[in-house]
Each structure stands twice: as C-alpha cells, then as structure tokens.
C-alpha cells in the first residue's frame, strides 16, 4: 500500500495498521518479522509504502480472505481481498 499526501507526494514514517477482518489468516511485518498476528502496525518507508506478509486462512472460497489497512490522518481504508482455493 502507498500513502500519499493531498498533493500526491509520498507520506513517509506514518503508521499503517493492517488487520485481518475475515477468515483466520495471519500477518507478519516483513522487516521487523516477529510472530504471526491478526493485526500488525507497519511504518511507511520514504516512498510512503507499507506492506505485510499475508498468509491466507484455512477456509477456501471467493473473496472470503480480507485485510483492511488504515492510517491516522488519512480518510477511509484500503481493503485487500484474496480467494483461497483448495
């Protein structure tokens, strides 16, 4: 995900909260690593980019794997959706 200011410039050093909202998947911060969790805070880099490593949950089906990403000071949220096939 990439955070940008109103003028389109990158928004570095901002905390982005990624949270699994559907299914039993887990997230890991790819830089700090740590234990898998359902919610991870990641700080955006100099280009305004923030990412997580997402392991899908155990239940297959169209669109039933969902993660939301939010950041204080930015309206709305980004929704990441995946389909698990068994």
PDB file of N, CA and C in Angstrom:
ATOM      1  N   UNK A   1       0.837  -1.152   0.000  1.00  0.00           N
ATOM      2  CA  UNK A   1       0.000   0.000   0.000  1.00  0.00           C
ATOM      3  C   UNK A   1       0.886   1.221   0.000  1.00  0.00           C
ATOM      4  N   UNK A   2       0.450   2.284  -0.661  1.00  0.00           N
ATOM      5  CA  UNK A   2       1.235   3.510  -0.726  1.00  0.00           C
ATOM      6  C   UNK A   2       0.414   4.673  -0.197  1.00  0.00           C
ATOM      7  N   UNK A   3       0.968   5.364   0.801  1.00  0.00           N
ATOM      8  CA  UNK A   3       0.321   6.545   1.353  1.00  0.00           C
ATOM      9  C   UNK A   3       0.835   7.777   0.638  1.00  0.00           C
ATOM     10  N   UNK A   4      -0.095   8.641   0.223  1.00  0.00           N
ATOM     11  CA  UNK A   4       0.294   9.902  -0.392  1.00  0.00           C
ATOM     12  C   UNK A   4      -0.469  11.040   0.258  1.00  0.00           C
ATOM     13  N   UNK A   5       0.166  12.208   0.294  1.00  0.00           N
ATOM     14  CA  UNK A   5      -0.476  13.414   0.798  1.00  0.00           C
ATOM     15  C   UNK A   5      -1.447  13.933  -0.251  1.00  0.00           C
ATOM     16  N   UNK A   6      -2.228  14.934   0.104  1.00  0.00           N
ATOM     17  CA  UNK A   6      -3.216  15.514  -0.805  1.00  0.00           C
ATOM     18  C   UNK A   6      -2.630  16.013  -2.103  1.00  0.00           C
ATOM     19  N   UNK A   7      -1.353  16.411  -2.087  1.00  0.00           N
ATOM     20  CA  UNK A   7      -0.712  16.908  -3.311  1.00  0.00           C
ATOM     21  C   UNK A   7      -0.031  15.797  -4.105  1.00  0.00           C
ATOM     22  N   UNK A   8      -0.210  14.520  -3.651  1.00  0.00           N
ATOM     23  CA  UNK A   8       0.343  13.383  -4.376  1.00  0.00           C
ATOM     24  C   UNK A   8       1.751  12.983  -3.964  1.00  0.00           C
ATOM     25  N   UNK A   9       2.372  13.723  -3.047  1.00  0.00           N
ATOM     26  CA  UNK A   9       3.717  13.363  -2.595  1.00  0.00           C
ATOM     27  C   UNK A   9       3.640  12.210  -1.594  1.00  0.00           C
ATOM     28  N   UNK A  10       4.688  11.385  -1.507  1.00  0.00           N
ATOM     29  CA  UNK A  10       4.690  10.262  -0.567  1.00  0.00           C
ATOM     30  C   UNK A  10       4.573  10.731   0.885  1.00  0.00           C
ATOM     31  N   UNK A  11       3.972   9.892   1.723  1.00  0.00           N
ATOM     32  CA  UNK A  11       3.826  10.179   3.153  1.00  0.00           C
ATOM     33  C   UNK A  11       4.681   9.177   3.934  1.00  0.00           C
ATOM     34  N   UNK A  12       5.957   9.501   4.164  1.00  0.00           N
ATOM     35  CA  UNK A  12       6.843   8.576   4.880  1.00  0.00           C
ATOM     36  C   UNK A  12       6.626   8.615   6.390  1.00  0.00           C
ATOM     37  N   UNK A  13       7.130   7.577   7.052  1.00  0.00           N
ATOM     38  CA  UNK A  13       7.133   7.493   8.518  1.00  0.00           C
ATOM     39  C   UNK A  13       5.749   7.591   9.143  1.00  0.00           C
ATOM     40  N   UNK A  14       4.756   7.031   8.476  1.00  0.00           N
ATOM     41  CA  UNK A  14       3.383   7.010   9.001  1.00  0.00           C
ATOM     42  C   UNK A  14       3.032   5.574   9.358  1.00  0.00           C
ATOM     43  N   UNK A  15       2.378   5.391  10.482  1.00  0.00           N
ATOM     44  CA  UNK A  15       1.976   4.054  10.906  1.00  0.00           C
ATOM     45  C   UNK A  15       0.743   3.610  10.134  1.00  0.00           C
ATOM     46  N   UNK A  16       0.832   2.434   9.544  1.00  0.00           N
ATOM     47  CA  UNK A  16      -0.289   1.817   8.845  1.00  0.00           C
ATOM     48  C   UNK A  16      -0.677   0.570   9.639  1.00  0.00           C
ATOM     49  N   UNK A  17      -1.962   0.446   9.933  1.00  0.00           N
ATOM     50  CA  UNK A  17      -2.456  -0.705  10.679  1.00  0.00           C
ATOM     51  C   UNK A  17      -3.127  -1.655   9.699  1.00  0.00           C
ATOM     52  N   UNK A  18      -2.566  -2.852   9.578  1.00  0.00           N
ATOM     53  CA  UNK A  18      -3.150  -3.913   8.754  1.00  0.00           C
ATOM     54  C   UNK A  18      -3.864  -4.869   9.709  1.00  0.00           C
ATOM     55  N   UNK A  19      -5.107  -5.231   9.375  1.00  0.00           N
ATOM     56  CA  UNK A  19      -5.885  -6.092  10.267  1.00  0.00           C
ATOM     57  C   UNK A  19      -6.694  -7.105   9.457  1.00  0.00           C
ATOM     58  N   UNK A  20      -6.577  -8.389   9.804  1.00  0.00           N
ATOM     59  CA  UNK A  20      -7.381  -9.435   9.169  1.00  0.00           C
ATOM     60  C   UNK A  20      -8.816  -9.271   9.663  1.00  0.00           C
ATOM     61  N   UNK A  21      -9.769  -9.081   8.744  1.00  0.00           N
ATOM     62  CA  UNK A  21     -11.166  -8.886   9.138  1.00  0.00           C
ATOM     63  C   UNK A  21     -12.071 -10.042   8.718  1.00  0.00           C
ATOM     64  N   UNK A  22     -11.551 -10.943   7.899  1.00  0.00           N
ATOM     65  CA  UNK A  22     -12.353 -12.112   7.526  1.00  0.00           C
ATOM     66  C   UNK A  22     -11.441 -13.310   7.309  1.00  0.00           C
ATOM     67  N   UNK A  23     -11.833 -14.444   7.856  1.00  0.00           N
ATOM     68  CA  UNK A  23     -11.132 -15.711   7.818  1.00  0.00           C
ATOM     69  C   UNK A  23     -10.079 -15.736   8.930  1.00  0.00           C
ATOM     70  N   UNK A  24      -9.260 -16.765   8.971  1.00  0.00           N
ATOM     71  CA  UNK A  24      -8.306 -16.914  10.077  1.00  0.00           C
ATOM     72  C   UNK A  24      -6.856 -16.777   9.608  1.00  0.00           C
ATOM     73  N   UNK A  25      -6.624 -15.925   8.614  1.00  0.00           N
ATOM     74  CA  UNK A  25      -5.274 -15.679   8.129  1.00  0.00           C
ATOM     75  C   UNK A  25      -4.441 -14.901   9.133  1.00  0.00           C
ATOM     76  N   UNK A  26      -3.143 -14.770   8.840  1.00  0.00           N
ATOM     77  CA  UNK A  26      -2.240 -14.037   9.718  1.00  0.00           C
ATOM     78  C   UNK A  26      -1.347 -13.104   8.905  1.00  0.00           C
ATOM     79  N   UNK A  27      -0.773 -12.134   9.608  1.00  0.00           N
ATOM     80  CA  UNK A  27       0.095 -11.124   9.008  1.00  0.00           C
ATOM     81  C   UNK A  27       1.422 -11.097   9.744  1.00  0.00           C
ATOM     82  N   UNK A  28       2.482 -10.725   9.013  1.00  0.00           N
ATOM     83  CA  UNK A  28       3.800 -10.522   9.612  1.00  0.00           C
ATOM     84  C   UNK A  28       4.411  -9.286   8.958  1.00  0.00           C
ATOM     85  N   UNK A  29       5.034  -8.438   9.758  1.00  0.00           N
ATOM     86  CA  UNK A  29       5.798  -7.312   9.232  1.00  0.00           C
ATOM     87  C   UNK A  29       7.037  -7.893   8.559  1.00  0.00           C
ATOM     88  N   UNK A  30       7.235  -7.674   7.247  1.00  0.00           N
ATOM     89  CA  UNK A  30       8.362  -8.299   6.549  1.00  0.00           C
ATOM     90  C   UNK A  30       9.727  -7.777   6.991  1.00  0.00           C
ATOM     91  N   UNK A  31       9.776  -6.616   7.612  1.00  0.00           N
ATOM     92  CA  UNK A  31      11.052  -6.058   8.053  1.00  0.00           C
ATOM     93  C   UNK A  31      11.342  -6.429   9.505  1.00  0.00           C
ATOM     94  N   UNK A  32      10.382  -6.211  10.389  1.00  0.00           N
ATOM     95  CA  UNK A  32      10.584  -6.486  11.813  1.00  0.00           C
ATOM     96  C   UNK A  32      10.371  -7.954  12.147  1.00  0.00           C
ATOM     97  N   UNK A  33       9.735  -8.693  11.231  1.00  0.00           N
ATOM     98  CA  UNK A  33       9.416 -10.114  11.422  1.00  0.00           C
ATOM     99  C   UNK A  33       8.527 -10.274  12.640  1.00  0.00           C
ATOM    100  N   UNK A  34       8.889 -11.132  13.577  1.00  0.00           N
ATOM    101  CA  UNK A  34       8.039 -11.367  14.738  1.00  0.00           C
ATOM    102  C   UNK A  34       7.088 -12.514  14.498  1.00  0.00           C
ATOM    103  N   UNK A  35       6.175 -12.698  15.426  1.00  0.00           N
ATOM    104  CA  UNK A  35       5.211 -13.787  15.349  1.00  0.00           C
ATOM    105  C   UNK A  35       4.026 -13.399  14.477  1.00  0.00           C
ATOM    106  N   UNK A  36       3.420 -14.372  13.785  1.00  0.00           N
ATOM    107  CA  UNK A  36       2.215 -14.090  13.010  1.00  0.00           C
ATOM    108  C   UNK A  36       1.119 -13.545  13.917  1.00  0.00           C
ATOM    109  N   UNK A  37       0.361 -12.601  13.398  1.00  0.00           N
ATOM    110  CA  UNK A  37      -0.685 -11.953  14.181  1.00  0.00           C
ATOM    111  C   UNK A  37      -1.850 -11.589  13.269  1.00  0.00           C
ATOM    112  N   UNK A  38      -2.985 -11.276  13.846  1.00  0.00           N
ATOM    113  CA  UNK A  38      -4.143 -10.845  13.057  1.00  0.00           C
ATOM    114  C   UNK A  38      -4.103  -9.344  12.800  1.00  0.00           C
ATOM    115  N   UNK A  39      -3.263  -8.623  13.523  1.00  0.00           N
ATOM    116  CA  UNK A  39      -3.144  -7.183  13.341  1.00  0.00           C
ATOM    117  C   UNK A  39      -1.672  -6.786  13.472  1.00  0.00           C
ATOM    118  N   UNK A  40      -1.183  -5.959  12.529  1.00  0.00           N
ATOM    119  CA  UNK A  40       0.220  -5.555  12.513  1.00  0.00           C
ATOM    120  C   UNK A  40       0.313  -4.064  12.191  1.00  0.00           C
ATOM    121  N   UNK A  41       1.156  -3.353  12.936  1.00  0.00           N
ATOM    122  CA  UNK A  41       1.448  -1.952  12.643  1.00  0.00           C
ATOM    123  C   UNK A  41       2.766  -1.890  11.888  1.00  0.00           C
ATOM    124  N   UNK A  42       2.763  -1.180  10.750  1.00  0.00           N
ATOM    125  CA  UNK A  42       3.954  -1.050   9.917  1.00  0.00           C
ATOM    126  C   UNK A  42       4.161   0.433   9.630  1.00  0.00           C
ATOM    127  N   UNK A  43       5.402   0.887   9.650  1.00  0.00           N
ATOM    128  CA  UNK A  43       5.717   2.289   9.349  1.00  0.00           C
ATOM    129  C   UNK A  43       6.076   2.404   7.868  1.00  0.00           C
ATOM    130  N   UNK A  44       5.471   3.401   7.197  1.00  0.00           N
ATOM    131  CA  UNK A  44       5.740   3.591   5.768  1.00  0.00           C
ATOM    132  C   UNK A  44       7.177   4.055   5.539  1.00  0.00           C
ATOM    133  N   UNK A  45       7.755   3.615   4.413  1.00  0.00           N
ATOM    134  CA  UNK A  45       9.134   3.977   4.073  1.00  0.00           C
ATOM    135  C   UNK A  45       9.189   5.369   3.433  1.00  0.00           C
ATOM    136  N   UNK A  46      10.342   5.773   2.934  1.00  0.00           N
ATOM    137  CA  UNK A  46      10.498   7.116   2.360  1.00  0.00           C
ATOM    138  C   UNK A  46       9.624   7.339   1.131  1.00  0.00           C
ATOM    139  N   UNK A  47       9.214   6.265   0.468  1.00  0.00           N
ATOM    140  CA  UNK A  47       8.324   6.376  -0.693  1.00  0.00           C
ATOM    141  C   UNK A  47       6.850   6.317  -0.282  1.00  0.00           C
ATOM    142  N   UNK A  48       6.585   6.251   1.037  1.00  0.00           N
ATOM    143  CA  UNK A  48       5.208   6.178   1.526  1.00  0.00           C
ATOM    144  C   UNK A  48       4.624   4.778   1.468  1.00  0.00           C
ATOM    145  N   UNK A  49       5.455   3.780   1.210  1.00  0.00           N
ATOM    146  CA  UNK A  49       4.969   2.404   1.045  1.00  0.00           C
ATOM    147  C   UNK A  49       5.035   1.626   2.360  1.00  0.00           C
ATOM    148  N   UNK A  50       4.011   0.821   2.584  1.00  0.00           N
ATOM    149  CA  UNK A  50       3.960  -0.068   3.749  1.00  0.00           C
ATOM    150  C   UNK A  50       3.391  -1.400   3.276  1.00  0.00           C
ATOM    151  N   UNK A  51       3.947  -2.492   3.791  1.00  0.00           N
ATOM    152  CA  UNK A  51       3.466  -3.802   3.358  1.00  0.00           C
ATOM    153  C   UNK A  51       3.580  -4.815   4.492  1.00  0.00           C
ATOM    154  N   UNK A  52       2.851  -5.901   4.334  1.00  0.00           N
ATOM    155  CA  UNK A  52       2.903  -7.029   5.259  1.00  0.00           C
ATOM    156  C   UNK A  52       2.987  -8.313   4.449  1.00  0.00           C
ATOM    157  N   UNK A  53       3.410  -9.371   5.104  1.00  0.00           N
ATOM    158  CA  UNK A  53       3.338 -10.707   4.504  1.00  0.00           C
ATOM    159  C   UNK A  53       2.056 -11.326   5.046  1.00  0.00           C
ATOM    160  N   UNK A  54       1.175 -11.743   4.138  1.00  0.00           N
ATOM    161  CA  UNK A  54      -0.153 -12.232   4.492  1.00  0.00           C
ATOM    162  C   UNK A  54      -0.238 -13.718   4.180  1.00  0.00           C
ATOM    163  N   UNK A  55      -0.526 -14.510   5.191  1.00  0.00           N
ATOM    164  CA  UNK A  55      -0.789 -15.930   4.997  1.00  0.00           C
ATOM    165  C   UNK A  55      -2.301 -16.103   5.042  1.00  0.00           C
ATOM    166  N   UNK A  56      -2.862 -16.642   3.960  1.00  0.00           N
ATOM    167  CA  UNK A  56      -4.313 -16.803   3.886  1.00  0.00           C
ATOM    168  C   UNK A  56      -4.811 -17.797   4.923  1.00  0.00           C
ATOM    169  N   UNK A  57      -6.093 -17.655   5.266  1.00  0.00           N
ATOM    170  CA  UNK A  57      -6.716 -18.539   6.245  1.00  0.00           C
ATOM    171  C   UNK A  57      -7.046 -19.905   5.679  1.00  0.00           C
ATOM    172  N   UNK A  58      -7.617 -20.739   6.523  1.00  0.00           N
ATOM    173  CA  UNK A  58      -7.880 -22.143   6.206  1.00  0.00           C
ATOM    174  C   UNK A  58      -9.130 -22.370   5.350  1.00  0.00           C
ATOM    175  N   UNK A  59     -10.006 -21.394   5.251  1.00  0.00           N
ATOM    176  CA  UNK A  59     -11.277 -21.588   4.557  1.00  0.00           C
ATOM    177  C   UNK A  59     -11.190 -21.075   3.126  1.00  0.00           C
ATOM    178  N   UNK A  60     -11.525 -21.931   2.158  1.00  0.00           N
ATOM    179  CA  UNK A  60     -11.461 -21.527   0.756  1.00  0.00           C
ATOM    180  C   UNK A  60     -12.768 -20.863   0.349  1.00  0.00           C
ATOM    181  N   UNK A  61     -12.737 -20.206  -0.798  1.00  0.00           N
ATOM    182  CA  UNK A  61     -13.932 -19.569  -1.333  1.00  0.00           C
ATOM    183  C   UNK A  61     -13.609 -18.181  -1.857  1.00  0.00           C
ATOM    184  N   UNK A  62     -14.447 -17.715  -2.761  1.00  0.00           N
ATOM    185  CA  UNK A  62     -14.222 -16.432  -3.422  1.00  0.00           C
ATOM    186  C   UNK A  62     -14.389 -15.273  -2.450  1.00  0.00           C
ATOM    187  N   UNK A  63     -13.352 -14.454  -2.346  1.00  0.00           N
ATOM    188  CA  UNK A  63     -13.425 -13.209  -1.593  1.00  0.00           C
ATOM    189  C   UNK A  63     -13.566 -13.333  -0.094  1.00  0.00           C
ATOM    190  N   UNK A  64     -13.309 -14.507   0.469  1.00  0.00           N
ATOM    191  CA  UNK A  64     -13.512 -14.635   1.916  1.00  0.00           C
ATOM    192  C   UNK A  64     -12.230 -14.454   2.717  1.00  0.00           C
ATOM    193  N   UNK A  65     -11.197 -13.937   2.107  1.00  0.00           N
ATOM    194  CA  UNK A  65      -9.953 -13.594   2.785  1.00  0.00           C
ATOM    195  C   UNK A  65      -9.837 -12.068   2.675  1.00  0.00           C
ATOM    196  N   UNK A  66      -9.952 -11.359   3.816  1.00  0.00           N
ATOM    197  CA  UNK A  66      -9.936  -9.892   3.747  1.00  0.00           C
ATOM    198  C   UNK A  66      -9.029  -9.290   4.816  1.00  0.00           C
ATOM    199  N   UNK A  67      -8.282  -8.273   4.398  1.00  0.00           N
ATOM    200  CA  UNK A  67      -7.452  -7.472   5.291  1.00  0.00           C
ATOM    201  C   UNK A  67      -7.790  -6.008   5.032  1.00  0.00           C
ATOM    202  N   UNK A  68      -7.907  -5.233   6.097  1.00  0.00           N
ATOM    203  CA  UNK A  68      -8.108  -3.794   5.966  1.00  0.00           C
ATOM    204  C   UNK A  68      -6.853  -3.078   6.443  1.00  0.00           C
ATOM    205  N   UNK A  69      -6.531  -1.962   5.779  1.00  0.00           N
ATOM    206  CA  UNK A  69      -5.387  -1.140   6.159  1.00  0.00           C
ATOM    207  C   UNK A  69      -5.857   0.289   6.369  1.00  0.00           C
ATOM    208  N   UNK A  70      -5.470   0.867   7.511  1.00  0.00           N
ATOM    209  CA  UNK A  70      -5.837   2.245   7.837  1.00  0.00           C
ATOM    210  C   UNK A  70      -4.614   2.978   8.366  1.00  0.00           C
ATOM    211  N   UNK A  71      -4.682   4.302   8.326  1.00  0.00           N
ATOM    212  CA  UNK A  71      -3.619   5.131   8.885  1.00  0.00           C
ATOM    213  C   UNK A  71      -4.239   6.426   9.401  1.00  0.00           C
ATOM    214  N   UNK A  72      -3.878   6.814  10.613  1.00  0.00           N
ATOM    215  CA  UNK A  72      -4.394   8.042  11.211  1.00  0.00           C
ATOM    216  C   UNK A  72      -4.049   9.232  10.334  1.00  0.00           C
ATOM    217  N   UNK A  73      -5.038  10.098  10.111  1.00  0.00           N
ATOM    218  CA  UNK A  73      -4.828  11.277   9.283  1.00  0.00           C
ATOM    219  C   UNK A  73      -5.199  11.072   7.827  1.00  0.00           C
ATOM    220  N   UNK A  74      -5.553   9.843   7.462  1.00  0.00           N
ATOM    221  CA  UNK A  74      -5.976   9.527   6.094  1.00  0.00           C
ATOM    222  C   UNK A  74      -7.404   9.011   6.146  1.00  0.00           C
ATOM    223  N   UNK A  75      -8.239   9.505   5.254  1.00  0.00           N
ATOM    224  CA  UNK A  75      -9.634   9.083   5.229  1.00  0.00           C
ATOM    225  C   UNK A  75      -9.784   7.680   4.686  1.00  0.00           C
ATOM    226  N   UNK A  76     -10.757   6.955   5.230  1.00  0.00           N
ATOM    227  CA  UNK A  76     -11.108   5.654   4.712  1.00  0.00           C
ATOM    228  C   UNK A  76     -10.089   4.588   5.015  1.00  0.00           C
ATOM    229  N   UNK A  77     -10.173   3.511   4.253  1.00  0.00           N
ATOM    230  CA  UNK A  77      -9.277   2.395   4.424  1.00  0.00           C
ATOM    231  C   UNK A  77      -9.078   1.713   3.090  1.00  0.00           C
ATOM    232  N   UNK A  78      -8.013   0.918   3.030  1.00  0.00           N
ATOM    233  CA  UNK A  78      -7.778   0.084   1.855  1.00  0.00           C
ATOM    234  C   UNK A  78      -8.212  -1.323   2.228  1.00  0.00           C
ATOM    235  N   UNK A  79      -8.893  -1.979   1.322  1.00  0.00           N
ATOM    236  CA  UNK A  79      -9.338  -3.345   1.556  1.00  0.00           C
ATOM    237  C   UNK A  79      -8.594  -4.273   0.596  1.00  0.00           C
ATOM    238  N   UNK A  80      -7.951  -5.286   1.163  1.00  0.00           N
ATOM    239  CA  UNK A  80      -7.238  -6.285   0.376  1.00  0.00           C
ATOM    240  C   UNK A  80      -8.067  -7.561   0.423  1.00  0.00           C
ATOM    241  N   UNK A  81      -8.373  -8.124  -0.729  1.00  0.00           N
ATOM    242  CA  UNK A  81      -9.235  -9.302  -0.810  1.00  0.00           C
ATOM    243  C   UNK A  81      -8.531 -10.382  -1.620  1.00  0.00           C
ATOM    244  N   UNK A  82      -8.596 -11.619  -1.135  1.00  0.00           N
ATOM    245  CA  UNK A  82      -7.992 -12.745  -1.843  1.00  0.00           C
ATOM    246  C   UNK A  82      -8.967 -13.913  -1.853  1.00  0.00           C
ATOM    247  N   UNK A  83      -8.753 -14.824  -2.768  1.00  0.00           N
ATOM    248  CA  UNK A  83      -9.567 -16.034  -2.864  1.00  0.00           C
ATOM    249  C   UNK A  83      -8.691 -17.236  -2.582  1.00  0.00           C
ATOM    250  N   UNK A  84      -9.120 -18.052  -1.633  1.00  0.00           N
ATOM    251  CA  UNK A  84      -8.403 -19.281  -1.321  1.00  0.00           C
ATOM    252  C   UNK A  84      -9.017 -20.452  -2.074  1.00  0.00           C
ATOM    253  N   UNK A  85      -8.201 -21.220  -2.751  1.00  0.00           N
ATOM    254  CA  UNK A  85      -8.674 -22.390  -3.497  1.00  0.00           C
ATOM    255  C   UNK A  85      -8.023 -23.627  -2.908  1.00  0.00           C
ATOM    256  N   UNK A  86      -8.843 -24.637  -2.624  1.00  0.00           N
ATOM    257  CA  UNK A  86      -8.253 -25.868  -2.067  1.00  0.00           C
ATOM    258  C   UNK A  86      -8.163 -26.950  -3.109  1.00  0.00           C
TER     259      UNK A  86
END
